[in-house]
């Protein structure tokens, strides 16, 4: 019960204003059923970190002559086969100005067969979030759909597959 309470205390800032602890919350949350003393110490350390960096936060300053539309971009990444059940981890964030507006770190729903497939899953989740963010910004009267939104990705195989329409024997099972 104590451990769940600690993780809950860390989860609130992780989902509202502190994306820097989102990965820690994801990892701590995976041990909610059977936590050990080591897990409680890790949760306490995360709270210690939040306390000592409490002056840190998101900054939404915009450079002169900048708008949300021309400073809006995203990044995504994945780690292949890192959980106890061979699933990958997806992480993405979207920024407007100098601050993050949306972020997520979570285990992937399926087991990827390669790092390229894990990265494709991450891009897919990031693009689905982007579609939602575009609709949300349009509801606020901000049109970001006129120009493409950049999503940063560091896996060259994934980038090649996203840009092209070709498949090979190792990626023919992926539906783009």
C-alpha atoms as a PDB file:
ATOM      1  CA  UNK A   1       0.000   0.000   0.000  1.00  0.00           C
ATOM      2  CA  UNK A   2       2.871   2.374   0.829  1.00  0.00           C
ATOM      3  CA  UNK A   3       4.544   1.663  -2.511  1.00  0.00           C
ATOM      4  CA  UNK A   4       1.358   2.331  -4.495  1.00  0.00           C
ATOM      5  CA  UNK A   5       0.944   5.622  -2.675  1.00  0.00           C
ATOM      6  CA  UNK A   6       4.535   6.621  -3.474  1.00  0.00           C
ATOM      7  CA  UNK A   7       4.110   5.787  -7.168  1.00  0.00           C
ATOM      8  CA  UNK A   8       0.856   7.749  -7.243  1.00  0.00           C
ATOM      9  CA  UNK A   9       2.614  10.783  -5.770  1.00  0.00           C
ATOM     10  CA  UNK A  10       5.216  10.599  -8.549  1.00  0.00           C
ATOM     11  CA  UNK A  11       2.653   9.891 -11.274  1.00  0.00           C
ATOM     12  CA  UNK A  12       0.786  13.182 -10.859  1.00  0.00           C
ATOM     13  CA  UNK A  13       3.737  15.453 -11.742  1.00  0.00           C
ATOM     14  CA  UNK A  14       4.885  12.977 -14.414  1.00  0.00           C
ATOM     15  CA  UNK A  15       1.590  13.342 -16.278  1.00  0.00           C
ATOM     16  CA  UNK A  16       1.008  17.058 -15.724  1.00  0.00           C
ATOM     17  CA  UNK A  17       4.242  19.032 -15.632  1.00  0.00           C
ATOM     18  CA  UNK A  18       7.392  16.875 -15.329  1.00  0.00           C
ATOM     19  CA  UNK A  19       8.072  14.705 -18.395  1.00  0.00           C
ATOM     20  CA  UNK A  20      11.567  14.016 -17.045  1.00  0.00           C
ATOM     21  CA  UNK A  21      10.147  11.426 -14.614  1.00  0.00           C
ATOM     22  CA  UNK A  22       7.727   9.703 -17.015  1.00  0.00           C
ATOM     23  CA  UNK A  23      10.130   6.819 -17.707  1.00  0.00           C
ATOM     24  CA  UNK A  24      10.754   6.336 -13.986  1.00  0.00           C
ATOM     25  CA  UNK A  25       7.004   6.167 -13.309  1.00  0.00           C
ATOM     26  CA  UNK A  26       6.565   3.618 -16.099  1.00  0.00           C
ATOM     27  CA  UNK A  27       9.253   1.410 -14.577  1.00  0.00           C
ATOM     28  CA  UNK A  28       7.998   1.827 -10.996  1.00  0.00           C
ATOM     29  CA  UNK A  29       4.418   1.092 -12.084  1.00  0.00           C
ATOM     30  CA  UNK A  30       5.440  -2.271 -13.497  1.00  0.00           C
ATOM     31  CA  UNK A  31       6.114  -3.490  -9.928  1.00  0.00           C
ATOM     32  CA  UNK A  32       2.833  -2.444  -8.280  1.00  0.00           C
ATOM     33  CA  UNK A  33       1.697  -6.026  -7.647  1.00  0.00           C
ATOM     34  CA  UNK A  34       4.747  -7.343  -5.780  1.00  0.00           C
ATOM     35  CA  UNK A  35       7.084  -4.505  -4.776  1.00  0.00           C
ATOM     36  CA  UNK A  36      10.242  -5.186  -2.824  1.00  0.00           C
ATOM     37  CA  UNK A  37      12.246  -2.956  -0.506  1.00  0.00           C
ATOM     38  CA  UNK A  38      14.427  -2.089  -3.498  1.00  0.00           C
ATOM     39  CA  UNK A  39      11.372  -0.799  -5.392  1.00  0.00           C
ATOM     40  CA  UNK A  40      10.265   1.321  -2.422  1.00  0.00           C
ATOM     41  CA  UNK A  41      13.759   2.837  -2.223  1.00  0.00           C
ATOM     42  CA  UNK A  42      13.653   3.605  -5.956  1.00  0.00           C
ATOM     43  CA  UNK A  43      10.272   5.334  -5.546  1.00  0.00           C
ATOM     44  CA  UNK A  44      11.612   7.332  -2.597  1.00  0.00           C
ATOM     45  CA  UNK A  45      14.617   8.330  -4.681  1.00  0.00           C
ATOM     46  CA  UNK A  46      12.309   9.581  -7.461  1.00  0.00           C
ATOM     47  CA  UNK A  47      10.395  11.657  -4.893  1.00  0.00           C
ATOM     48  CA  UNK A  48      13.716  12.960  -3.562  1.00  0.00           C
ATOM     49  CA  UNK A  49      14.648  13.981  -7.115  1.00  0.00           C
ATOM     50  CA  UNK A  50      11.308  15.754  -7.605  1.00  0.00           C
ATOM     51  CA  UNK A  51      11.687  17.579  -4.303  1.00  0.00           C
ATOM     52  CA  UNK A  52      15.186  18.815  -5.050  1.00  0.00           C
ATOM     53  CA  UNK A  53      14.269  19.901  -8.583  1.00  0.00           C
ATOM     54  CA  UNK A  54      10.916  21.420  -7.609  1.00  0.00           C
ATOM     55  CA  UNK A  55      11.901  24.769  -9.136  1.00  0.00           C
ATOM     56  CA  UNK A  56      12.255  23.074 -12.531  1.00  0.00           C
ATOM     57  CA  UNK A  57       9.283  22.872 -14.834  1.00  0.00           C
ATOM     58  CA  UNK A  58       7.990  23.439 -18.311  1.00  0.00           C
ATOM     59  CA  UNK A  59       8.760  26.741 -19.994  1.00  0.00           C
ATOM     60  CA  UNK A  60       6.514  27.980 -22.797  1.00  0.00           C
ATOM     61  CA  UNK A  61       8.538  30.972 -23.955  1.00  0.00           C
ATOM     62  CA  UNK A  62       8.299  31.682 -27.658  1.00  0.00           C
ATOM     63  CA  UNK A  63      11.063  33.421 -29.607  1.00  0.00           C
ATOM     64  CA  UNK A  64      10.128  36.757 -31.196  1.00  0.00           C
ATOM     65  CA  UNK A  65       7.798  36.434 -34.197  1.00  0.00           C
ATOM     66  CA  UNK A  66       7.244  32.746 -33.405  1.00  0.00           C
ATOM     67  CA  UNK A  67       3.898  30.999 -33.205  1.00  0.00           C
ATOM     68  CA  UNK A  68       2.803  27.589 -32.026  1.00  0.00           C
ATOM     69  CA  UNK A  69       2.415  26.494 -35.638  1.00  0.00           C
ATOM     70  CA  UNK A  70       6.040  27.156 -36.595  1.00  0.00           C
ATOM     71  CA  UNK A  71       7.595  25.842 -33.372  1.00  0.00           C
ATOM     72  CA  UNK A  72       5.504  22.665 -33.044  1.00  0.00           C
ATOM     73  CA  UNK A  73       7.496  19.423 -33.428  1.00  0.00           C
ATOM     74  CA  UNK A  74       7.796  15.947 -31.972  1.00  0.00           C
ATOM     75  CA  UNK A  75      10.379  13.286 -31.201  1.00  0.00           C
ATOM     76  CA  UNK A  76       9.963   9.562 -30.657  1.00  0.00           C
ATOM     77  CA  UNK A  77      12.172   6.619 -29.833  1.00  0.00           C
ATOM     78  CA  UNK A  78      11.942   2.979 -28.852  1.00  0.00           C
ATOM     79  CA  UNK A  79      13.986   0.403 -27.024  1.00  0.00           C
ATOM     80  CA  UNK A  80      13.673  -3.123 -28.386  1.00  0.00           C
ATOM     81  CA  UNK A  81      13.124  -6.198 -26.168  1.00  0.00           C
ATOM     82  CA  UNK A  82      13.844  -4.626 -22.778  1.00  0.00           C
ATOM     83  CA  UNK A  83      10.948  -5.656 -20.532  1.00  0.00           C
ATOM     84  CA  UNK A  84      10.669  -8.934 -18.658  1.00  0.00           C
ATOM     85  CA  UNK A  85       8.188 -10.217 -21.272  1.00  0.00           C
ATOM     86  CA  UNK A  86      10.321  -9.218 -24.315  1.00  0.00           C
ATOM     87  CA  UNK A  87       8.354  -6.106 -25.184  1.00  0.00           C
ATOM     88  CA  UNK A  88       9.866  -2.832 -26.223  1.00  0.00           C
ATOM     89  CA  UNK A  89       9.453   0.613 -24.701  1.00  0.00           C
ATOM     90  CA  UNK A  90       7.964   3.529 -26.650  1.00  0.00           C
ATOM     91  CA  UNK A  91       8.626   7.130 -25.763  1.00  0.00           C
ATOM     92  CA  UNK A  92       7.574  10.323 -27.494  1.00  0.00           C
ATOM     93  CA  UNK A  93       7.164  14.018 -26.765  1.00  0.00           C
ATOM     94  CA  UNK A  94       5.707  17.005 -28.583  1.00  0.00           C
ATOM     95  CA  UNK A  95       6.949  20.539 -28.098  1.00  0.00           C
ATOM     96  CA  UNK A  96       5.585  24.005 -28.804  1.00  0.00           C
ATOM     97  CA  UNK A  97       7.933  26.888 -28.267  1.00  0.00           C
ATOM     98  CA  UNK A  98      10.451  25.737 -25.694  1.00  0.00           C
ATOM     99  CA  UNK A  99       8.164  23.486 -23.642  1.00  0.00           C
ATOM    100  CA  UNK A 100       6.720  20.008 -23.939  1.00  0.00           C
ATOM    101  CA  UNK A 101       2.956  19.837 -24.471  1.00  0.00           C
ATOM    102  CA  UNK A 102       2.457  16.050 -24.647  1.00  0.00           C
ATOM    103  CA  UNK A 103       4.639  13.056 -23.763  1.00  0.00           C
ATOM    104  CA  UNK A 104       4.441   9.342 -23.038  1.00  0.00           C
ATOM    105  CA  UNK A 105       6.689   6.481 -21.994  1.00  0.00           C
ATOM    106  CA  UNK A 106       5.140   3.012 -21.980  1.00  0.00           C
ATOM    107  CA  UNK A 107       5.694  -0.637 -22.807  1.00  0.00           C
ATOM    108  CA  UNK A 108       4.623  -1.599 -26.313  1.00  0.00           C
ATOM    109  CA  UNK A 109       1.484  -3.693 -26.746  1.00  0.00           C
ATOM    110  CA  UNK A 110       3.110  -6.286 -29.005  1.00  0.00           C
ATOM    111  CA  UNK A 111       6.466  -8.038 -29.178  1.00  0.00           C
ATOM    112  CA  UNK A 112       8.543  -6.551 -31.977  1.00  0.00           C
ATOM    113  CA  UNK A 113      10.705  -8.891 -34.048  1.00  0.00           C
ATOM    114  CA  UNK A 114      13.452  -6.306 -34.597  1.00  0.00           C
ATOM    115  CA  UNK A 115      14.599  -2.878 -33.447  1.00  0.00           C
ATOM    116  CA  UNK A 116      13.258  -1.471 -36.718  1.00  0.00           C
ATOM    117  CA  UNK A 117       9.801  -2.835 -35.976  1.00  0.00           C
ATOM    118  CA  UNK A 118       9.982  -1.460 -32.415  1.00  0.00           C
ATOM    119  CA  UNK A 119      10.826   1.956 -33.870  1.00  0.00           C
ATOM    120  CA  UNK A 120       7.919   1.669 -36.353  1.00  0.00           C
ATOM    121  CA  UNK A 121       5.567   0.947 -33.457  1.00  0.00           C
ATOM    122  CA  UNK A 122       6.888   4.047 -31.686  1.00  0.00           C
ATOM    123  CA  UNK A 123       6.372   6.199 -34.799  1.00  0.00           C
ATOM    124  CA  UNK A 124       2.843   4.813 -35.177  1.00  0.00           C
ATOM    125  CA  UNK A 125       1.943   5.749 -31.587  1.00  0.00           C
ATOM    126  CA  UNK A 126       3.544   9.171 -31.994  1.00  0.00           C
ATOM    127  CA  UNK A 127       1.611   9.864 -35.212  1.00  0.00           C
ATOM    128  CA  UNK A 128      -1.676   8.829 -33.595  1.00  0.00           C
ATOM    129  CA  UNK A 129      -0.975  11.303 -30.794  1.00  0.00           C
ATOM    130  CA  UNK A 130      -0.069  13.931 -33.405  1.00  0.00           C
ATOM    131  CA  UNK A 131      -3.431  13.526 -35.122  1.00  0.00           C
ATOM    132  CA  UNK A 132      -5.155  14.111 -31.784  1.00  0.00           C
ATOM    133  CA  UNK A 133      -2.980  17.163 -31.047  1.00  0.00           C
ATOM    134  CA  UNK A 134      -3.743  18.655 -34.472  1.00  0.00           C
ATOM    135  CA  UNK A 135      -7.479  18.324 -33.774  1.00  0.00           C
ATOM    136  CA  UNK A 136      -7.061  19.781 -30.290  1.00  0.00           C
ATOM    137  CA  UNK A 137      -5.088  22.768 -31.575  1.00  0.00           C
ATOM    138  CA  UNK A 138      -7.702  23.344 -34.290  1.00  0.00           C
ATOM    139  CA  UNK A 139     -10.357  23.432 -31.547  1.00  0.00           C
ATOM    140  CA  UNK A 140      -8.294  26.229 -29.951  1.00  0.00           C
ATOM    141  CA  UNK A 141      -8.211  28.061 -33.277  1.00  0.00           C
ATOM    142  CA  UNK A 142      -4.571  27.249 -34.033  1.00  0.00           C
ATOM    143  CA  UNK A 143      -4.018  25.739 -37.481  1.00  0.00           C
ATOM    144  CA  UNK A 144      -0.876  23.579 -37.593  1.00  0.00           C
ATOM    145  CA  UNK A 145      -2.059  21.295 -40.402  1.00  0.00           C
ATOM    146  CA  UNK A 146      -1.001  23.641 -43.227  1.00  0.00           C
ATOM    147  CA  UNK A 147       2.619  22.508 -43.010  1.00  0.00           C
ATOM    148  CA  UNK A 148       3.968  19.089 -42.054  1.00  0.00           C
ATOM    149  CA  UNK A 149       4.864  18.523 -38.422  1.00  0.00           C
ATOM    150  CA  UNK A 150       8.385  17.181 -37.960  1.00  0.00           C
ATOM    151  CA  UNK A 151       8.776  14.039 -35.869  1.00  0.00           C
ATOM    152  CA  UNK A 152      12.374  13.233 -34.980  1.00  0.00           C
ATOM    153  CA  UNK A 153      13.464   9.599 -35.255  1.00  0.00           C
ATOM    154  CA  UNK A 154      16.964   8.140 -34.930  1.00  0.00           C
ATOM    155  CA  UNK A 155      16.658   4.693 -36.547  1.00  0.00           C
ATOM    156  CA  UNK A 156      17.747   4.846 -40.204  1.00  0.00           C
ATOM    157  CA  UNK A 157      15.921   1.630 -41.156  1.00  0.00           C
ATOM    158  CA  UNK A 158      12.691   3.018 -39.742  1.00  0.00           C
ATOM    159  CA  UNK A 159      13.196   6.352 -41.510  1.00  0.00           C
ATOM    160  CA  UNK A 160      13.826   4.556 -44.817  1.00  0.00           C
ATOM    161  CA  UNK A 161      10.653   2.473 -44.418  1.00  0.00           C
ATOM    162  CA  UNK A 162       8.576   5.537 -43.492  1.00  0.00           C
ATOM    163  CA  UNK A 163       9.816   7.518 -46.494  1.00  0.00           C
ATOM    164  CA  UNK A 164       9.540   4.678 -49.014  1.00  0.00           C
ATOM    165  CA  UNK A 165       6.846   2.198 -49.846  1.00  0.00           C
ATOM    166  CA  UNK A 166       9.027  -0.868 -50.288  1.00  0.00           C
ATOM    167  CA  UNK A 167       9.162  -3.939 -48.096  1.00  0.00           C
ATOM    168  CA  UNK A 168      11.657  -6.739 -47.874  1.00  0.00           C
ATOM    169  CA  UNK A 169      11.583 -10.223 -46.371  1.00  0.00           C
ATOM    170  CA  UNK A 170      12.254  -8.894 -42.847  1.00  0.00           C
ATOM    171  CA  UNK A 171       9.606  -6.171 -42.880  1.00  0.00           C
ATOM    172  CA  UNK A 172       6.831  -7.525 -45.075  1.00  0.00           C
ATOM    173  CA  UNK A 173       4.747  -8.329 -41.956  1.00  0.00           C
ATOM    174  CA  UNK A 174       4.652  -4.598 -41.003  1.00  0.00           C
ATOM    175  CA  UNK A 175       1.666  -2.678 -42.304  1.00  0.00           C
ATOM    176  CA  UNK A 176       2.515   0.987 -42.815  1.00  0.00           C
END
